[in-house]
Amino acid sequence: MGIIRWDSKYEVNVKKIDRQHRKIVDILNKLYDLQENAADQRKIEKIFEDLRAYITTHFKTEEAYLKEIECVEFDQQKKEHNAFIDTVCSYQREYFKEKPLALINLFNYVWDWFANHILTVDKKCMTNQGSAR
């Protein structure tokens, strides 16, 4: 079921990246649903892995596109992406140290960062490109 509803305001007008952003929202919703039943350790571990792997893939795609369009903020974007992945990994380590609150904190962190990043940084670089890739 999830808690996050996709909104067109998150679209950056690059089809492949918009699809990937939607997929990240889907993964976050799965994570949210699982936090209700924290006893399902295997599913939670899988969601952590899926989230980290998919975000890494997404950032590679996004960074390749940013290079292609010669986004002047590319270096800053890459730094933010790397810091984000490091933080997600940190929450994952905390969770596995028997700290279930890390699951809720991870969800909140990822959604806050993700929504803010799309609405400010991504939109600034991408929406003015007129691409519908």
N, C-alpha and C. Protein backbone atom coordinates (compact mmCIF):
# COMPACT_ATOMS: atom_id res chain seq x y z
N MET A 1 0.82 -1.18 0.00
CA MET A 1 0.00 0.00 0.00
C MET A 1 0.87 1.25 0.00
N GLY A 2 1.75 1.37 0.98
CA GLY A 2 2.66 2.51 1.02
C GLY A 2 2.00 3.78 1.49
N ILE A 3 2.82 4.79 1.65
CA ILE A 3 2.35 6.08 2.13
C ILE A 3 2.62 7.20 1.12
N ILE A 4 3.60 6.98 0.25
CA ILE A 4 4.00 8.02 -0.70
C ILE A 4 3.23 7.85 -1.99
N ARG A 5 2.64 8.92 -2.44
CA ARG A 5 1.93 8.92 -3.72
C ARG A 5 2.74 9.74 -4.71
N TRP A 6 2.98 9.16 -5.88
CA TRP A 6 3.71 9.89 -6.91
C TRP A 6 2.90 11.09 -7.36
N ASP A 7 3.57 12.17 -7.59
CA ASP A 7 2.93 13.39 -8.04
C ASP A 7 3.71 13.91 -9.24
N SER A 8 3.03 14.43 -10.20
CA SER A 8 3.70 14.93 -11.41
C SER A 8 4.69 16.05 -11.11
N LYS A 9 4.59 16.67 -9.95
CA LYS A 9 5.55 17.73 -9.61
C LYS A 9 6.98 17.18 -9.48
N TYR A 10 7.11 15.85 -9.32
CA TYR A 10 8.44 15.23 -9.22
C TYR A 10 9.03 14.88 -10.59
N GLU A 11 8.29 15.08 -11.64
CA GLU A 11 8.78 14.73 -12.96
C GLU A 11 9.79 15.77 -13.44
N VAL A 12 10.86 15.25 -14.07
CA VAL A 12 11.93 16.12 -14.58
C VAL A 12 11.93 16.15 -16.10
N ASN A 13 10.91 15.53 -16.70
CA ASN A 13 10.72 15.50 -18.16
C ASN A 13 11.79 14.72 -18.90
N VAL A 14 12.36 13.75 -18.23
CA VAL A 14 13.28 12.79 -18.85
C VAL A 14 12.69 11.42 -18.50
N LYS A 15 12.05 10.79 -19.47
CA LYS A 15 11.25 9.59 -19.19
C LYS A 15 11.99 8.53 -18.40
N LYS A 16 13.22 8.21 -18.80
CA LYS A 16 13.96 7.15 -18.12
C LYS A 16 14.22 7.51 -16.65
N ILE A 17 14.57 8.74 -16.40
CA ILE A 17 14.85 9.17 -15.03
C ILE A 17 13.55 9.27 -14.23
N ASP A 18 12.49 9.75 -14.84
CA ASP A 18 11.20 9.78 -14.14
C ASP A 18 10.75 8.36 -13.76
N ARG A 19 10.94 7.40 -14.66
CA ARG A 19 10.59 5.99 -14.35
C ARG A 19 11.42 5.49 -13.18
N GLN A 20 12.70 5.82 -13.17
CA GLN A 20 13.56 5.38 -12.07
C GLN A 20 13.16 6.05 -10.76
N HIS A 21 12.82 7.31 -10.81
CA HIS A 21 12.35 7.99 -9.60
C HIS A 21 11.08 7.31 -9.06
N ARG A 22 10.18 6.95 -9.95
CA ARG A 22 8.95 6.25 -9.52
C ARG A 22 9.29 4.90 -8.88
N LYS A 23 10.27 4.21 -9.44
CA LYS A 23 10.68 2.91 -8.89
C LYS A 23 11.24 3.09 -7.48
N ILE A 24 11.99 4.15 -7.26
CA ILE A 24 12.52 4.41 -5.91
C ILE A 24 11.37 4.66 -4.95
N VAL A 25 10.35 5.37 -5.38
CA VAL A 25 9.17 5.59 -4.54
C VAL A 25 8.50 4.25 -4.23
N ASP A 26 8.41 3.36 -5.22
CA ASP A 26 7.83 2.03 -4.99
C ASP A 26 8.63 1.27 -3.92
N ILE A 27 9.94 1.31 -4.01
CA ILE A 27 10.79 0.63 -3.03
C ILE A 27 10.59 1.25 -1.65
N LEU A 28 10.53 2.56 -1.58
CA LEU A 28 10.28 3.22 -0.30
C LEU A 28 8.95 2.81 0.30
N ASN A 29 7.93 2.69 -0.53
CA ASN A 29 6.63 2.26 -0.04
C ASN A 29 6.69 0.83 0.50
N LYS A 30 7.45 -0.03 -0.14
CA LYS A 30 7.64 -1.39 0.40
C LYS A 30 8.33 -1.35 1.75
N LEU A 31 9.33 -0.48 1.85
CA LEU A 31 10.04 -0.33 3.12
C LEU A 31 9.09 0.17 4.20
N TYR A 32 8.26 1.13 3.87
CA TYR A 32 7.28 1.65 4.82
C TYR A 32 6.32 0.54 5.28
N ASP A 33 5.83 -0.23 4.32
CA ASP A 33 4.91 -1.31 4.67
C ASP A 33 5.58 -2.33 5.58
N LEU A 34 6.85 -2.61 5.36
CA LEU A 34 7.56 -3.60 6.17
C LEU A 34 7.87 -3.09 7.57
N GLN A 35 8.01 -1.79 7.74
CA GLN A 35 8.32 -1.30 9.07
C GLN A 35 7.17 -1.58 10.04
N GLU A 36 5.98 -1.79 9.48
CA GLU A 36 4.84 -2.18 10.31
C GLU A 36 5.02 -3.58 10.88
N ASN A 37 5.77 -4.42 10.16
CA ASN A 37 6.00 -5.80 10.57
C ASN A 37 7.50 -6.06 10.60
N ALA A 38 8.19 -5.40 11.51
CA ALA A 38 9.64 -5.46 11.57
C ALA A 38 10.17 -6.86 11.85
N ALA A 39 9.30 -7.79 12.20
CA ALA A 39 9.75 -9.15 12.47
C ALA A 39 10.17 -9.88 11.19
N ASP A 40 9.76 -9.40 10.06
CA ASP A 40 10.08 -10.06 8.79
C ASP A 40 11.46 -9.62 8.31
N GLN A 41 12.48 -10.10 9.01
CA GLN A 41 13.87 -9.68 8.81
C GLN A 41 14.36 -9.90 7.38
N ARG A 42 14.05 -11.04 6.78
CA ARG A 42 14.53 -11.32 5.43
C ARG A 42 14.00 -10.33 4.41
N LYS A 43 12.73 -10.01 4.51
CA LYS A 43 12.14 -9.05 3.57
C LYS A 43 12.75 -7.67 3.77
N ILE A 44 12.99 -7.29 5.00
CA ILE A 44 13.60 -6.00 5.28
C ILE A 44 15.02 -5.96 4.71
N GLU A 45 15.78 -7.01 4.91
CA GLU A 45 17.14 -7.08 4.35
C GLU A 45 17.09 -6.95 2.83
N LYS A 46 16.14 -7.62 2.20
CA LYS A 46 16.01 -7.56 0.74
C LYS A 46 15.68 -6.15 0.28
N ILE A 47 14.78 -5.48 0.98
CA ILE A 47 14.42 -4.11 0.61
C ILE A 47 15.62 -3.19 0.75
N PHE A 48 16.39 -3.34 1.83
CA PHE A 48 17.61 -2.55 1.99
C PHE A 48 18.52 -2.74 0.77
N GLU A 49 18.75 -3.99 0.41
CA GLU A 49 19.62 -4.29 -0.72
C GLU A 49 19.04 -3.73 -2.02
N ASP A 50 17.75 -3.92 -2.22
CA ASP A 50 17.10 -3.40 -3.43
C ASP A 50 17.22 -1.88 -3.51
N LEU A 51 16.99 -1.22 -2.40
CA LEU A 51 17.06 0.24 -2.36
C LEU A 51 18.47 0.71 -2.70
N ARG A 52 19.44 0.15 -2.02
CA ARG A 52 20.83 0.58 -2.25
C ARG A 52 21.26 0.29 -3.69
N ALA A 53 20.95 -0.88 -4.18
CA ALA A 53 21.33 -1.25 -5.54
C ALA A 53 20.63 -0.38 -6.58
N TYR A 54 19.34 -0.16 -6.38
CA TYR A 54 18.59 0.62 -7.37
C TYR A 54 19.02 2.08 -7.36
N ILE A 55 19.25 2.63 -6.19
CA ILE A 55 19.69 4.02 -6.11
C ILE A 55 21.06 4.17 -6.79
N THR A 56 21.94 3.22 -6.57
CA THR A 56 23.26 3.26 -7.22
C THR A 56 23.10 3.23 -8.74
N THR A 57 22.25 2.34 -9.23
CA THR A 57 21.97 2.27 -10.67
C THR A 57 21.37 3.57 -11.17
N HIS A 58 20.42 4.08 -10.44
CA HIS A 58 19.76 5.33 -10.83
C HIS A 58 20.77 6.48 -10.92
N PHE A 59 21.63 6.60 -9.92
CA PHE A 59 22.60 7.69 -9.93
C PHE A 59 23.55 7.58 -11.12
N LYS A 60 23.92 6.37 -11.48
CA LYS A 60 24.78 6.20 -12.66
C LYS A 60 24.05 6.69 -13.91
N THR A 61 22.80 6.33 -14.04
CA THR A 61 22.00 6.78 -15.19
C THR A 61 21.87 8.30 -15.18
N GLU A 62 21.53 8.83 -14.04
CA GLU A 62 21.32 10.28 -13.93
C GLU A 62 22.62 11.03 -14.22
N GLU A 63 23.73 10.55 -13.68
CA GLU A 63 25.00 11.23 -13.89
C GLU A 63 25.43 11.16 -15.35
N ALA A 64 25.18 10.05 -16.02
CA ALA A 64 25.49 9.96 -17.45
C ALA A 64 24.67 11.00 -18.22
N TYR A 65 23.41 11.14 -17.87
CA TYR A 65 22.55 12.12 -18.53
C TYR A 65 23.05 13.54 -18.24
N LEU A 66 23.41 13.81 -17.00
CA LEU A 66 23.88 15.14 -16.64
C LEU A 66 25.15 15.51 -17.41
N LYS A 67 26.02 14.53 -17.60
CA LYS A 67 27.22 14.78 -18.41
C LYS A 67 26.83 15.08 -19.86
N GLU A 68 25.89 14.29 -20.36
CA GLU A 68 25.43 14.47 -21.74
C GLU A 68 24.88 15.87 -21.99
N ILE A 69 24.12 16.38 -21.04
CA ILE A 69 23.53 17.71 -21.22
C ILE A 69 24.45 18.82 -20.70
N GLU A 70 25.61 18.41 -20.23
CA GLU A 70 26.61 19.37 -19.73
C GLU A 70 26.08 20.23 -18.60
N CYS A 71 25.48 19.57 -17.64
CA CYS A 71 24.95 20.25 -16.46
C CYS A 71 26.11 20.87 -15.68
N VAL A 72 26.03 22.18 -15.43
CA VAL A 72 27.12 22.85 -14.74
C VAL A 72 27.24 22.43 -13.28
N GLU A 73 26.18 21.88 -12.72
CA GLU A 73 26.21 21.42 -11.32
C GLU A 73 26.58 19.95 -11.19
N PHE A 74 27.15 19.37 -12.25
CA PHE A 74 27.43 17.93 -12.24
C PHE A 74 28.27 17.51 -11.02
N ASP A 75 29.37 18.20 -10.76
CA ASP A 75 30.25 17.80 -9.66
C ASP A 75 29.52 17.84 -8.32
N GLN A 76 28.71 18.87 -8.12
CA GLN A 76 27.93 18.96 -6.88
C GLN A 76 26.91 17.82 -6.80
N GLN A 77 26.26 17.53 -7.91
CA GLN A 77 25.29 16.42 -7.95
C GLN A 77 25.98 15.12 -7.54
N LYS A 78 27.13 14.86 -8.13
CA LYS A 78 27.86 13.61 -7.86
C LYS A 78 28.24 13.53 -6.37
N LYS A 79 28.70 14.63 -5.80
CA LYS A 79 29.03 14.65 -4.37
C LYS A 79 27.80 14.33 -3.53
N GLU A 80 26.67 14.95 -3.88
CA GLU A 80 25.43 14.69 -3.13
C GLU A 80 25.00 13.24 -3.26
N HIS A 81 25.11 12.70 -4.46
CA HIS A 81 24.74 11.30 -4.67
C HIS A 81 25.61 10.37 -3.82
N ASN A 82 26.92 10.61 -3.82
CA ASN A 82 27.83 9.76 -3.04
C ASN A 82 27.55 9.86 -1.55
N ALA A 83 27.30 11.07 -1.07
CA ALA A 83 26.99 11.26 0.35
C ALA A 83 25.68 10.56 0.71
N PHE A 84 24.72 10.62 -0.20
CA PHE A 84 23.43 9.97 0.03
C PHE A 84 23.61 8.45 0.17
N ILE A 85 24.35 7.86 -0.75
CA ILE A 85 24.58 6.41 -0.69
C ILE A 85 25.30 6.05 0.61
N ASP A 86 26.29 6.83 1.01
CA ASP A 86 26.99 6.58 2.28
C ASP A 86 26.03 6.60 3.46
N THR A 87 25.11 7.55 3.46
CA THR A 87 24.15 7.66 4.56
C THR A 87 23.18 6.48 4.57
N VAL A 88 22.72 6.06 3.40
CA VAL A 88 21.83 4.89 3.32
C VAL A 88 22.56 3.66 3.87
N CYS A 89 23.82 3.49 3.51
CA CYS A 89 24.60 2.36 4.01
C CYS A 89 24.77 2.45 5.53
N SER A 90 24.93 3.64 6.04
CA SER A 90 25.05 3.84 7.49
C SER A 90 23.77 3.42 8.21
N TYR A 91 22.62 3.81 7.68
CA TYR A 91 21.35 3.38 8.27
C TYR A 91 21.21 1.86 8.20
N GLN A 92 21.65 1.29 7.12
CA GLN A 92 21.57 -0.16 6.98
C GLN A 92 22.42 -0.84 8.05
N ARG A 93 23.63 -0.35 8.26
CA ARG A 93 24.49 -0.93 9.31
C ARG A 93 23.84 -0.78 10.68
N GLU A 94 23.26 0.38 10.95
CA GLU A 94 22.59 0.59 12.23
C GLU A 94 21.43 -0.39 12.44
N TYR A 95 20.68 -0.59 11.39
CA TYR A 95 19.55 -1.51 11.49
C TYR A 95 20.04 -2.91 11.85
N PHE A 96 21.11 -3.34 11.22
CA PHE A 96 21.62 -4.68 11.47
C PHE A 96 22.31 -4.81 12.82
N LYS A 97 22.53 -3.70 13.49
CA LYS A 97 23.07 -3.72 14.84
C LYS A 97 21.93 -3.76 15.86
N GLU A 98 20.79 -4.26 15.41
CA GLU A 98 19.62 -4.40 16.30
C GLU A 98 19.05 -3.05 16.72
N LYS A 99 19.02 -2.13 15.80
CA LYS A 99 18.43 -0.83 16.10
C LYS A 99 17.29 -0.59 15.13
N PRO A 100 16.09 -1.13 15.44
CA PRO A 100 14.97 -1.03 14.51
C PRO A 100 14.54 0.39 14.19
N LEU A 101 14.84 1.35 15.04
CA LEU A 101 14.49 2.73 14.76
C LEU A 101 15.19 3.22 13.48
N ALA A 102 16.32 2.60 13.15
CA ALA A 102 17.05 2.97 11.93
C ALA A 102 16.19 2.78 10.69
N LEU A 103 15.28 1.84 10.72
CA LEU A 103 14.40 1.60 9.58
C LEU A 103 13.49 2.80 9.33
N ILE A 104 12.91 3.31 10.37
CA ILE A 104 12.05 4.49 10.26
C ILE A 104 12.88 5.71 9.86
N ASN A 105 14.05 5.85 10.49
CA ASN A 105 14.92 6.98 10.16
C ASN A 105 15.38 6.92 8.71
N LEU A 106 15.68 5.72 8.22
CA LEU A 106 16.08 5.56 6.83
C LEU A 106 14.96 5.99 5.90
N PHE A 107 13.77 5.50 6.16
CA PHE A 107 12.62 5.86 5.32
C PHE A 107 12.47 7.39 5.26
N ASN A 108 12.46 8.03 6.44
CA ASN A 108 12.29 9.48 6.49
C ASN A 108 13.42 10.21 5.78
N TYR A 109 14.64 9.77 6.01
CA TYR A 109 15.80 10.41 5.38
C TYR A 109 15.73 10.29 3.85
N VAL A 110 15.49 9.07 3.37
CA VAL A 110 15.47 8.85 1.93
C VAL A 110 14.37 9.67 1.28
N TRP A 111 13.17 9.62 1.84
CA TRP A 111 12.09 10.36 1.22
C TRP A 111 12.34 11.87 1.26
N ASP A 112 12.77 12.41 2.39
CA ASP A 112 13.05 13.84 2.48
C ASP A 112 14.13 14.26 1.50
N TRP A 113 15.22 13.51 1.47
CA TRP A 113 16.32 13.85 0.57
C TRP A 113 15.88 13.73 -0.89
N PHE A 114 15.24 12.63 -1.16
CA PHE A 114 14.84 12.32 -2.54
C PHE A 114 13.89 13.39 -3.08
N ALA A 115 12.84 13.71 -2.34
CA ALA A 115 11.87 14.70 -2.78
C ALA A 115 12.52 16.07 -2.94
N ASN A 116 13.32 16.46 -1.96
CA ASN A 116 14.00 17.76 -2.04
C ASN A 116 14.98 17.79 -3.21
N HIS A 117 15.72 16.72 -3.40
CA HIS A 117 16.71 16.66 -4.48
C HIS A 117 16.04 16.77 -5.85
N ILE A 118 14.96 16.04 -6.02
CA ILE A 118 14.24 16.11 -7.30
C ILE A 118 13.71 17.52 -7.53
N LEU A 119 13.05 18.05 -6.52
CA LEU A 119 12.37 19.34 -6.68
C LEU A 119 13.32 20.52 -6.84
N THR A 120 14.52 20.39 -6.34
CA THR A 120 15.45 21.52 -6.44
C THR A 120 16.57 21.23 -7.44
N VAL A 121 17.41 20.29 -7.13
CA VAL A 121 18.62 20.06 -7.93
C VAL A 121 18.31 19.43 -9.28
N ASP A 122 17.58 18.31 -9.29
CA ASP A 122 17.29 17.64 -10.56
C ASP A 122 16.49 18.53 -11.51
N LYS A 123 15.45 19.13 -10.98
CA LYS A 123 14.62 19.99 -11.85
C LYS A 123 15.43 21.13 -12.44
N LYS A 124 16.31 21.69 -11.66
CA LYS A 124 17.13 22.80 -12.14
C LYS A 124 17.96 22.37 -13.34
N CYS A 125 18.53 21.17 -13.27
CA CYS A 125 19.39 20.68 -14.36
C CYS A 125 18.60 20.15 -15.54
N MET A 126 17.48 19.50 -15.30
CA MET A 126 16.86 18.69 -16.35
C MET A 126 15.63 19.28 -17.02
N THR A 127 14.79 19.94 -16.31
CA THR A 127 13.51 20.34 -16.92
C THR A 127 13.67 21.36 -18.03
N ASN A 128 14.70 22.11 -18.00
CA ASN A 128 14.90 23.11 -19.05
C ASN A 128 15.55 22.55 -20.31
N GLN A 129 15.82 21.27 -20.29
CA GLN A 129 16.48 20.65 -21.45
C GLN A 129 15.50 20.29 -22.56
N GLY A 130 14.20 20.21 -22.22
CA GLY A 130 13.18 19.90 -23.22
C GLY A 130 13.28 18.47 -23.74
N SER A 131 13.84 17.59 -22.94
CA SER A 131 14.03 16.21 -23.39
C SER A 131 12.89 15.34 -22.92
N ALA A 132 12.52 14.38 -23.74
CA ALA A 132 11.50 13.40 -23.35
C ALA A 132 12.06 12.00 -23.57
N ARG A 133 13.31 11.81 -23.22
CA ARG A 133 13.99 10.53 -23.42
C ARG A 133 13.37 9.44 -22.63
